[in-house]
mmCIF file of all heavy atoms, coordinates in Angstrom:
data_MODEL
# 
_entry.id   MODEL 
# 
loop_
_atom_site.group_PDB 
_atom_site.id 
_atom_site.type_symbol 
_atom_site.label_atom_id 
_atom_site.label_alt_id 
_atom_site.label_comp_id 
_atom_site.label_asym_id 
_atom_site.label_entity_id 
_atom_site.label_seq_id 
_atom_site.pdbx_PDB_ins_code 
_atom_site.Cartn_x 
_atom_site.Cartn_y 
_atom_site.Cartn_z 
_atom_site.occupancy 
_atom_site.B_iso_or_equiv 
_atom_site.pdbx_formal_charge 
_atom_site.auth_seq_id 
_atom_site.auth_comp_id 
_atom_site.auth_asym_id 
_atom_site.auth_atom_id 
_atom_site.pdbx_PDB_model_num 
ATOM 1   N N   . GLN A 1 1  ? 0.846  -1.192  0.000   1.00 0.00 ? 1  GLN A N   1 
ATOM 2   C CA  . GLN A 1 1  ? 0.000  0.000   0.000   1.00 0.00 ? 1  GLN A CA  1 
ATOM 3   C C   . GLN A 1 1  ? 0.886  1.249   0.000   1.00 0.00 ? 1  GLN A C   1 
ATOM 4   O O   . GLN A 1 1  ? 0.926  2.032   0.943   1.00 0.00 ? 1  GLN A O   1 
ATOM 5   C CB  . GLN A 1 1  ? -0.938 -0.019  1.202   1.00 0.00 ? 1  GLN A CB  1 
ATOM 6   C CG  . GLN A 1 1  ? -1.943 -1.164  1.160   1.00 0.00 ? 1  GLN A CG  1 
ATOM 7   C CD  . GLN A 1 1  ? -2.874 -1.158  2.352   1.00 0.00 ? 1  GLN A CD  1 
ATOM 8   O OE1 . GLN A 1 1  ? -3.323 -0.108  2.793   1.00 0.00 ? 1  GLN A OE1 1 
ATOM 9   N NE2 . GLN A 1 1  ? -3.190 -2.341  2.867   1.00 0.00 ? 1  GLN A NE2 1 
ATOM 10  N N   . ASN A 1 2  ? 1.595  1.395   -1.087  1.00 0.00 ? 2  ASN A N   1 
ATOM 11  C CA  . ASN A 1 2  ? 2.541  2.484   -1.274  1.00 0.00 ? 2  ASN A CA  1 
ATOM 12  C C   . ASN A 1 2  ? 2.381  2.982   -2.701  1.00 0.00 ? 2  ASN A C   1 
ATOM 13  O O   . ASN A 1 2  ? 2.294  2.169   -3.635  1.00 0.00 ? 2  ASN A O   1 
ATOM 14  C CB  . ASN A 1 2  ? 3.969  1.976   -1.027  1.00 0.00 ? 2  ASN A CB  1 
ATOM 15  C CG  . ASN A 1 2  ? 5.016  3.058   -1.148  1.00 0.00 ? 2  ASN A CG  1 
ATOM 16  O OD1 . ASN A 1 2  ? 5.229  3.628   -2.211  1.00 0.00 ? 2  ASN A OD1 1 
ATOM 17  N ND2 . ASN A 1 2  ? 5.700  3.348   -0.048  1.00 0.00 ? 2  ASN A ND2 1 
ATOM 18  N N   . PRO A 1 3  ? 2.346  4.302   -2.914  1.00 0.00 ? 3  PRO A N   1 
ATOM 19  C CA  . PRO A 1 3  ? 2.142  4.811   -4.281  1.00 0.00 ? 3  PRO A CA  1 
ATOM 20  C C   . PRO A 1 3  ? 3.146  4.278   -5.293  1.00 0.00 ? 3  PRO A C   1 
ATOM 21  O O   . PRO A 1 3  ? 2.802  4.082   -6.464  1.00 0.00 ? 3  PRO A O   1 
ATOM 22  C CB  . PRO A 1 3  ? 2.284  6.329   -4.103  1.00 0.00 ? 3  PRO A CB  1 
ATOM 23  C CG  . PRO A 1 3  ? 1.910  6.587   -2.685  1.00 0.00 ? 3  PRO A CG  1 
ATOM 24  C CD  . PRO A 1 3  ? 2.396  5.398   -1.917  1.00 0.00 ? 3  PRO A CD  1 
ATOM 25  N N   . TRP A 1 4  ? 4.387  4.030   -4.847  1.00 0.00 ? 4  TRP A N   1 
ATOM 26  C CA  . TRP A 1 4  ? 5.386  3.522   -5.792  1.00 0.00 ? 4  TRP A CA  1 
ATOM 27  C C   . TRP A 1 4  ? 5.015  2.135   -6.298  1.00 0.00 ? 4  TRP A C   1 
ATOM 28  O O   . TRP A 1 4  ? 5.360  1.759   -7.422  1.00 0.00 ? 4  TRP A O   1 
ATOM 29  C CB  . TRP A 1 4  ? 6.768  3.510   -5.140  1.00 0.00 ? 4  TRP A CB  1 
ATOM 30  C CG  . TRP A 1 4  ? 7.265  4.865   -4.773  1.00 0.00 ? 4  TRP A CG  1 
ATOM 31  C CD1 . TRP A 1 4  ? 7.445  5.352   -3.509  1.00 0.00 ? 4  TRP A CD1 1 
ATOM 32  C CD2 . TRP A 1 4  ? 7.624  5.925   -5.660  1.00 0.00 ? 4  TRP A CD2 1 
ATOM 33  N NE1 . TRP A 1 4  ? 7.890  6.656   -3.552  1.00 0.00 ? 4  TRP A NE1 1 
ATOM 34  C CE2 . TRP A 1 4  ? 8.010  7.029   -4.868  1.00 0.00 ? 4  TRP A CE2 1 
ATOM 35  C CE3 . TRP A 1 4  ? 7.652  6.052   -7.048  1.00 0.00 ? 4  TRP A CE3 1 
ATOM 36  C CZ2 . TRP A 1 4  ? 8.436  8.236   -5.414  1.00 0.00 ? 4  TRP A CZ2 1 
ATOM 37  C CZ3 . TRP A 1 4  ? 8.067  7.265   -7.596  1.00 0.00 ? 4  TRP A CZ3 1 
ATOM 38  C CH2 . TRP A 1 4  ? 8.442  8.324   -6.792  1.00 0.00 ? 4  TRP A CH2 1 
ATOM 39  N N   . MET A 1 5  ? 4.314  1.349   -5.471  1.00 0.00 ? 5  MET A N   1 
ATOM 40  C CA  . MET A 1 5  ? 3.919  0.007   -5.896  1.00 0.00 ? 5  MET A CA  1 
ATOM 41  C C   . MET A 1 5  ? 2.776  0.045   -6.895  1.00 0.00 ? 5  MET A C   1 
ATOM 42  O O   . MET A 1 5  ? 2.432  -0.973  -7.488  1.00 0.00 ? 5  MET A O   1 
ATOM 43  C CB  . MET A 1 5  ? 3.525  -0.836  -4.676  1.00 0.00 ? 5  MET A CB  1 
ATOM 44  C CG  . MET A 1 5  ? 4.706  -1.267  -3.824  1.00 0.00 ? 5  MET A CG  1 
ATOM 45  S SD  . MET A 1 5  ? 5.971  -2.170  -4.746  1.00 0.00 ? 5  MET A SD  1 
ATOM 46  C CE  . MET A 1 5  ? 5.071  -3.662  -5.138  1.00 0.00 ? 5  MET A CE  1 
ATOM 47  N N   . ALA A 1 6  ? 2.160  1.209   -7.079  1.00 0.00 ? 6  ALA A N   1 
ATOM 48  C CA  . ALA A 1 6  ? 1.115  1.331   -8.095  1.00 0.00 ? 6  ALA A CA  1 
ATOM 49  C C   . ALA A 1 6  ? 1.698  1.500   -9.488  1.00 0.00 ? 6  ALA A C   1 
ATOM 50  O O   . ALA A 1 6  ? 0.990  1.296   -10.488 1.00 0.00 ? 6  ALA A O   1 
ATOM 51  C CB  . ALA A 1 6  ? 0.203  2.514   -7.767  1.00 0.00 ? 6  ALA A CB  1 
ATOM 52  N N   . ILE A 1 7  ? 3.001  1.864   -9.564  1.00 0.00 ? 7  ILE A N   1 
ATOM 53  C CA  . ILE A 1 7  ? 3.607  2.057   -10.883 1.00 0.00 ? 7  ILE A CA  1 
ATOM 54  C C   . ILE A 1 7  ? 4.863  1.217   -11.100 1.00 0.00 ? 7  ILE A C   1 
ATOM 55  O O   . ILE A 1 7  ? 5.220  0.915   -12.247 1.00 0.00 ? 7  ILE A O   1 
ATOM 56  C CB  . ILE A 1 7  ? 3.943  3.546   -11.121 1.00 0.00 ? 7  ILE A CB  1 
ATOM 57  C CG1 . ILE A 1 7  ? 4.801  4.094   -9.982  1.00 0.00 ? 7  ILE A CG1 1 
ATOM 58  C CG2 . ILE A 1 7  ? 2.679  4.367   -11.265 1.00 0.00 ? 7  ILE A CG2 1 
ATOM 59  C CD1 . ILE A 1 7  ? 5.254  5.526   -10.204 1.00 0.00 ? 7  ILE A CD1 1 
ATOM 60  N N   . HIS A 1 8  ? 5.537  0.829   -9.995  1.00 0.00 ? 8  HIS A N   1 
ATOM 61  C CA  . HIS A 1 8  ? 6.775  0.063   -10.136 1.00 0.00 ? 8  HIS A CA  1 
ATOM 62  C C   . HIS A 1 8  ? 6.575  -1.293  -10.824 1.00 0.00 ? 8  HIS A C   1 
ATOM 63  O O   . HIS A 1 8  ? 7.270  -1.581  -11.825 1.00 0.00 ? 8  HIS A O   1 
ATOM 64  C CB  . HIS A 1 8  ? 7.431  -0.098  -8.756  1.00 0.00 ? 8  HIS A CB  1 
ATOM 65  C CG  . HIS A 1 8  ? 8.318  -1.281  -8.613  1.00 0.00 ? 8  HIS A CG  1 
ATOM 66  N ND1 . HIS A 1 8  ? 9.429  -1.487  -9.399  1.00 0.00 ? 8  HIS A ND1 1 
ATOM 67  C CD2 . HIS A 1 8  ? 8.263  -2.345  -7.757  1.00 0.00 ? 8  HIS A CD2 1 
ATOM 68  C CE1 . HIS A 1 8  ? 10.011 -2.617  -9.044  1.00 0.00 ? 8  HIS A CE1 1 
ATOM 69  N NE2 . HIS A 1 8  ? 9.328  -3.147  -8.057  1.00 0.00 ? 8  HIS A NE2 1 
ATOM 70  N N   . PRO A 1 9  ? 5.648  -2.163  -10.368 1.00 0.00 ? 9  PRO A N   1 
ATOM 71  C CA  . PRO A 1 9  ? 5.551  -3.488  -10.994 1.00 0.00 ? 9  PRO A CA  1 
ATOM 72  C C   . PRO A 1 9  ? 5.197  -3.467  -12.481 1.00 0.00 ? 9  PRO A C   1 
ATOM 73  O O   . PRO A 1 9  ? 5.843  -4.169  -13.271 1.00 0.00 ? 9  PRO A O   1 
ATOM 74  C CB  . PRO A 1 9  ? 4.469  -4.198  -10.155 1.00 0.00 ? 9  PRO A CB  1 
ATOM 75  C CG  . PRO A 1 9  ? 4.511  -3.507  -8.843  1.00 0.00 ? 9  PRO A CG  1 
ATOM 76  C CD  . PRO A 1 9  ? 4.788  -2.074  -9.178  1.00 0.00 ? 9  PRO A CD  1 
ATOM 77  N N   . PRO A 1 10 ? 4.178  -2.704  -12.930 1.00 0.00 ? 10 PRO A N   1 
ATOM 78  C CA  . PRO A 1 10 ? 3.881  -2.765  -14.368 1.00 0.00 ? 10 PRO A CA  1 
ATOM 79  C C   . PRO A 1 10 ? 5.010  -2.257  -15.240 1.00 0.00 ? 10 PRO A C   1 
ATOM 80  O O   . PRO A 1 10 ? 5.257  -2.816  -16.326 1.00 0.00 ? 10 PRO A O   1 
ATOM 81  C CB  . PRO A 1 10 ? 2.626  -1.895  -14.514 1.00 0.00 ? 10 PRO A CB  1 
ATOM 82  C CG  . PRO A 1 10 ? 2.519  -1.097  -13.278 1.00 0.00 ? 10 PRO A CG  1 
ATOM 83  C CD  . PRO A 1 10 ? 3.179  -1.887  -12.210 1.00 0.00 ? 10 PRO A CD  1 
ATOM 84  N N   . ILE A 1 11 ? 5.734  -1.224  -14.796 1.00 0.00 ? 11 ILE A N   1 
ATOM 85  C CA  . ILE A 1 11 ? 6.863  -0.736  -15.586 1.00 0.00 ? 11 ILE A CA  1 
ATOM 86  C C   . ILE A 1 11 ? 7.983  -1.774  -15.600 1.00 0.00 ? 11 ILE A C   1 
ATOM 87  O O   . ILE A 1 11 ? 8.597  -2.045  -16.647 1.00 0.00 ? 11 ILE A O   1 
ATOM 88  C CB  . ILE A 1 11 ? 7.364  0.611   -15.030 1.00 0.00 ? 11 ILE A CB  1 
ATOM 89  C CG1 . ILE A 1 11 ? 6.304  1.690   -15.246 1.00 0.00 ? 11 ILE A CG1 1 
ATOM 90  C CG2 . ILE A 1 11 ? 8.673  1.022   -15.691 1.00 0.00 ? 11 ILE A CG2 1 
ATOM 91  C CD1 . ILE A 1 11 ? 6.662  3.038   -14.649 1.00 0.00 ? 11 ILE A CD1 1 
ATOM 92  N N   . LEU A 1 12 ? 8.255  -2.360  -14.440 1.00 0.00 ? 12 LEU A N   1 
ATOM 93  C CA  . LEU A 1 12 ? 9.275  -3.407  -14.378 1.00 0.00 ? 12 LEU A CA  1 
ATOM 94  C C   . LEU A 1 12 ? 8.889  -4.578  -15.273 1.00 0.00 ? 12 LEU A C   1 
ATOM 95  O O   . LEU A 1 12 ? 9.748  -5.156  -15.956 1.00 0.00 ? 12 LEU A O   1 
ATOM 96  C CB  . LEU A 1 12 ? 9.447  -3.881  -12.935 1.00 0.00 ? 12 LEU A CB  1 
ATOM 97  C CG  . LEU A 1 12 ? 10.595 -4.869  -12.703 1.00 0.00 ? 12 LEU A CG  1 
ATOM 98  C CD1 . LEU A 1 12 ? 11.937 -4.151  -12.774 1.00 0.00 ? 12 LEU A CD1 1 
ATOM 99  C CD2 . LEU A 1 12 ? 10.454 -5.569  -11.353 1.00 0.00 ? 12 LEU A CD2 1 
ATOM 100 N N   . TYR A 1 13 ? 7.608  -4.926  -15.296 1.00 0.00 ? 13 TYR A N   1 
ATOM 101 C CA  . TYR A 1 13 ? 7.160  -6.040  -16.123 1.00 0.00 ? 13 TYR A CA  1 
ATOM 102 C C   . TYR A 1 13 ? 7.370  -5.762  -17.606 1.00 0.00 ? 13 TYR A C   1 
ATOM 103 O O   . TYR A 1 13 ? 7.703  -6.677  -18.375 1.00 0.00 ? 13 TYR A O   1 
ATOM 104 C CB  . TYR A 1 13 ? 5.678  -6.338  -15.857 1.00 0.00 ? 13 TYR A CB  1 
ATOM 105 C CG  . TYR A 1 13 ? 5.438  -7.347  -14.756 1.00 0.00 ? 13 TYR A CG  1 
ATOM 106 C CD1 . TYR A 1 13 ? 6.187  -7.305  -13.594 1.00 0.00 ? 13 TYR A CD1 1 
ATOM 107 C CD2 . TYR A 1 13 ? 4.467  -8.328  -14.864 1.00 0.00 ? 13 TYR A CD2 1 
ATOM 108 C CE1 . TYR A 1 13 ? 5.978  -8.219  -12.569 1.00 0.00 ? 13 TYR A CE1 1 
ATOM 109 C CE2 . TYR A 1 13 ? 4.243  -9.249  -13.849 1.00 0.00 ? 13 TYR A CE2 1 
ATOM 110 C CZ  . TYR A 1 13 ? 5.002  -9.195  -12.704 1.00 0.00 ? 13 TYR A CZ  1 
ATOM 111 O OH  . TYR A 1 13 ? 4.796  -10.103 -11.705 1.00 0.00 ? 13 TYR A OH  1 
ATOM 112 N N   . VAL A 1 14 ? 7.152  -4.511  -18.032 1.00 0.00 ? 14 VAL A N   1 
ATOM 113 C CA  . VAL A 1 14 ? 7.395  -4.185  -19.440 1.00 0.00 ? 14 VAL A CA  1 
ATOM 114 C C   . VAL A 1 14 ? 8.847  -4.487  -19.801 1.00 0.00 ? 14 VAL A C   1 
ATOM 115 O O   . VAL A 1 14 ? 9.142  -5.025  -20.876 1.00 0.00 ? 14 VAL A O   1 
ATOM 116 C CB  . VAL A 1 14 ? 7.051  -2.711  -19.730 1.00 0.00 ? 14 VAL A CB  1 
ATOM 117 C CG1 . VAL A 1 14 ? 7.506  -2.313  -21.130 1.00 0.00 ? 14 VAL A CG1 1 
ATOM 118 C CG2 . VAL A 1 14 ? 5.554  -2.468  -19.589 1.00 0.00 ? 14 VAL A CG2 1 
ATOM 119 N N   . GLY A 1 15 ? 9.772  -4.139  -18.899 1.00 0.00 ? 15 GLY A N   1 
ATOM 120 C CA  . GLY A 1 15 ? 11.170 -4.444  -19.153 1.00 0.00 ? 15 GLY A CA  1 
ATOM 121 C C   . GLY A 1 15 ? 11.472 -5.920  -19.061 1.00 0.00 ? 15 GLY A C   1 
ATOM 122 O O   . GLY A 1 15 ? 12.167 -6.483  -19.918 1.00 0.00 ? 15 GLY A O   1 
ATOM 123 N N   . TYR A 1 16 ? 10.957 -6.558  -18.027 1.00 0.00 ? 16 TYR A N   1 
ATOM 124 C CA  . TYR A 1 16 ? 11.203 -7.983  -17.804 1.00 0.00 ? 16 TYR A CA  1 
ATOM 125 C C   . TYR A 1 16 ? 10.615 -8.824  -18.938 1.00 0.00 ? 16 TYR A C   1 
ATOM 126 O O   . TYR A 1 16 ? 11.296 -9.649  -19.542 1.00 0.00 ? 16 TYR A O   1 
ATOM 127 C CB  . TYR A 1 16 ? 10.535 -8.346  -16.482 1.00 0.00 ? 16 TYR A CB  1 
ATOM 128 C CG  . TYR A 1 16 ? 11.374 -9.187  -15.559 1.00 0.00 ? 16 TYR A CG  1 
ATOM 129 C CD1 . TYR A 1 16 ? 12.679 -8.839  -15.249 1.00 0.00 ? 16 TYR A CD1 1 
ATOM 130 C CD2 . TYR A 1 16 ? 10.836 -10.324 -14.952 1.00 0.00 ? 16 TYR A CD2 1 
ATOM 131 C CE1 . TYR A 1 16 ? 13.435 -9.602  -14.385 1.00 0.00 ? 16 TYR A CE1 1 
ATOM 132 C CE2 . TYR A 1 16 ? 11.584 -11.094 -14.082 1.00 0.00 ? 16 TYR A CE2 1 
ATOM 133 C CZ  . TYR A 1 16 ? 12.887 -10.726 -13.796 1.00 0.00 ? 16 TYR A CZ  1 
ATOM 134 O OH  . TYR A 1 16 ? 13.635 -11.484 -12.949 1.00 0.00 ? 16 TYR A OH  1 
ATOM 135 N N   . VAL A 1 17 ? 9.339  -8.588  -19.218 1.00 0.00 ? 17 VAL A N   1 
ATOM 136 C CA  . VAL A 1 17 ? 8.659  -9.337  -20.272 1.00 0.00 ? 17 VAL A CA  1 
ATOM 137 C C   . VAL A 1 17 ? 9.201  -8.941  -21.632 1.00 0.00 ? 17 VAL A C   1 
ATOM 138 O O   . VAL A 1 17 ? 9.293  -9.763  -22.550 1.00 0.00 ? 17 VAL A O   1 
ATOM 139 C CB  . VAL A 1 17 ? 7.136  -9.083  -20.209 1.00 0.00 ? 17 VAL A CB  1 
ATOM 140 C CG1 . VAL A 1 17 ? 6.415  -9.823  -21.325 1.00 0.00 ? 17 VAL A CG1 1 
ATOM 141 C CG2 . VAL A 1 17 ? 6.581  -9.487  -18.853 1.00 0.00 ? 17 VAL A CG2 1 
ATOM 142 N N   . GLY A 1 18 ? 9.582  -7.661  -21.764 1.00 0.00 ? 18 GLY A N   1 
ATOM 143 C CA  . GLY A 1 18 ? 10.043 -7.164  -23.053 1.00 0.00 ? 18 GLY A CA  1 
ATOM 144 C C   . GLY A 1 18 ? 11.296 -7.824  -23.562 1.00 0.00 ? 18 GLY A C   1 
ATOM 145 O O   . GLY A 1 18 ? 11.623 -7.704  -24.756 1.00 0.00 ? 18 GLY A O   1 
ATOM 146 N N   . THR A 1 19 ? 12.029 -8.545  -22.724 1.00 0.00 ? 19 THR A N   1 
ATOM 147 C CA  . THR A 1 19 ? 13.235 -9.230  -23.186 1.00 0.00 ? 19 THR A CA  1 
ATOM 148 C C   . THR A 1 19 ? 12.925 -10.272 -24.246 1.00 0.00 ? 19 THR A C   1 
ATOM 149 O O   . THR A 1 19 ? 13.801 -10.623 -25.039 1.00 0.00 ? 19 THR A O   1 
ATOM 150 C CB  . THR A 1 19 ? 13.969 -9.911  -22.019 1.00 0.00 ? 19 THR A CB  1 
ATOM 151 O OG1 . THR A 1 19 ? 13.075 -10.828 -21.364 1.00 0.00 ? 19 THR A OG1 1 
ATOM 152 C CG2 . THR A 1 19 ? 14.448 -8.888  -20.996 1.00 0.00 ? 19 THR A CG2 1 
ATOM 153 N N   . ILE A 1 20 ? 11.683 -10.751 -24.290 1.00 0.00 ? 20 ILE A N   1 
ATOM 154 C CA  . ILE A 1 20 ? 11.353 -11.794 -25.256 1.00 0.00 ? 20 ILE A CA  1 
ATOM 155 C C   . ILE A 1 20 ? 11.280 -11.246 -26.677 1.00 0.00 ? 20 ILE A C   1 
ATOM 156 O O   . ILE A 1 20 ? 11.500 -11.982 -27.647 1.00 0.00 ? 20 ILE A O   1 
ATOM 157 C CB  . ILE A 1 20 ? 10.027 -12.504 -24.908 1.00 0.00 ? 20 ILE A CB  1 
ATOM 158 C CG1 . ILE A 1 20 ? 9.893  -13.793 -25.735 1.00 0.00 ? 20 ILE A CG1 1 
ATOM 159 C CG2 . ILE A 1 20 ? 8.837  -11.586 -25.153 1.00 0.00 ? 20 ILE A CG2 1 
ATOM 160 C CD1 . ILE A 1 20 ? 8.690  -14.634 -25.394 1.00 0.00 ? 20 ILE A CD1 1 
ATOM 161 N N   . ILE A 1 21 ? 10.996 -9.944  -26.861 1.00 0.00 ? 21 ILE A N   1 
ATOM 162 C CA  . ILE A 1 21 ? 10.810 -9.419  -28.213 1.00 0.00 ? 21 ILE A CA  1 
ATOM 163 C C   . ILE A 1 21 ? 12.121 -9.397  -28.992 1.00 0.00 ? 21 ILE A C   1 
ATOM 164 O O   . ILE A 1 21 ? 12.201 -9.973  -30.088 1.00 0.00 ? 21 ILE A O   1 
ATOM 165 C CB  . ILE A 1 21 ? 10.144 -8.027  -28.174 1.00 0.00 ? 21 ILE A CB  1 
ATOM 166 C CG1 . ILE A 1 21 ? 8.824  -8.089  -27.390 1.00 0.00 ? 21 ILE A CG1 1 
ATOM 167 C CG2 . ILE A 1 21 ? 9.921  -7.526  -29.584 1.00 0.00 ? 21 ILE A CG2 1 
ATOM 168 C CD1 . ILE A 1 21 ? 7.784  -8.999  -27.988 1.00 0.00 ? 21 ILE A CD1 1 
ATOM 169 N N   . PRO A 1 22 ? 13.206 -8.758  -28.491 1.00 0.00 ? 22 PRO A N   1 
ATOM 170 C CA  . PRO A 1 22 ? 14.468 -8.857  -29.241 1.00 0.00 ? 22 PRO A CA  1 
ATOM 171 C C   . PRO A 1 22 ? 14.967 -10.284 -29.340 1.00 0.00 ? 22 PRO A C   1 
ATOM 172 O O   . PRO A 1 22 ? 15.559 -10.672 -30.356 1.00 0.00 ? 22 PRO A O   1 
ATOM 173 C CB  . PRO A 1 22 ? 15.435 -7.971  -28.437 1.00 0.00 ? 22 PRO A CB  1 
ATOM 174 C CG  . PRO A 1 22 ? 14.820 -7.811  -27.092 1.00 0.00 ? 22 PRO A CG  1 
ATOM 175 C CD  . PRO A 1 22 ? 13.336 -7.887  -27.311 1.00 0.00 ? 22 PRO A CD  1 
ATOM 176 N N   . PHE A 1 23 ? 14.712 -11.087 -28.309 1.00 0.00 ? 23 PHE A N   1 
ATOM 177 C CA  . PHE A 1 23 ? 15.116 -12.492 -28.363 1.00 0.00 ? 23 PHE A CA  1 
ATOM 178 C C   . PHE A 1 23 ? 14.413 -13.215 -29.501 1.00 0.00 ? 23 PHE A C   1 
ATOM 179 O O   . PHE A 1 23 ? 15.055 -13.940 -30.281 1.00 0.00 ? 23 PHE A O   1 
ATOM 180 C CB  . PHE A 1 23 ? 14.799 -13.166 -27.029 1.00 0.00 ? 23 PHE A CB  1 
ATOM 181 C CG  . PHE A 1 23 ? 14.991 -14.664 -27.047 1.00 0.00 ? 23 PHE A CG  1 
ATOM 182 C CD1 . PHE A 1 23 ? 16.225 -15.222 -27.307 1.00 0.00 ? 23 PHE A CD1 1 
ATOM 183 C CD2 . PHE A 1 23 ? 13.918 -15.527 -26.786 1.00 0.00 ? 23 PHE A CD2 1 
ATOM 184 C CE1 . PHE A 1 23 ? 16.408 -16.604 -27.318 1.00 0.00 ? 23 PHE A CE1 1 
ATOM 185 C CE2 . PHE A 1 23 ? 14.096 -16.900 -26.796 1.00 0.00 ? 23 PHE A CE2 1 
ATOM 186 C CZ  . PHE A 1 23 ? 15.334 -17.443 -27.060 1.00 0.00 ? 23 PHE A CZ  1 
ATOM 187 N N   . ALA A 1 24 ? 13.102 -13.011 -29.640 1.00 0.00 ? 24 ALA A N   1 
ATOM 188 C CA  . ALA A 1 24 ? 12.351 -13.677 -30.709 1.00 0.00 ? 24 ALA A CA  1 
ATOM 189 C C   . ALA A 1 24 ? 12.850 -13.233 -32.080 1.00 0.00 ? 24 ALA A C   1 
ATOM 190 O O   . ALA A 1 24 ? 13.004 -14.060 -32.997 1.00 0.00 ? 24 ALA A O   1 
ATOM 191 C CB  . ALA A 1 24 ? 10.862 -13.375 -30.566 1.00 0.00 ? 24 ALA A CB  1 
# 
């Protein structure tokens, strides 16, 4: 219940998940 947790995970996920695009 922290404002940073409202934006940190989805942005991190874009980077984390995004590794598959250049890999593919």
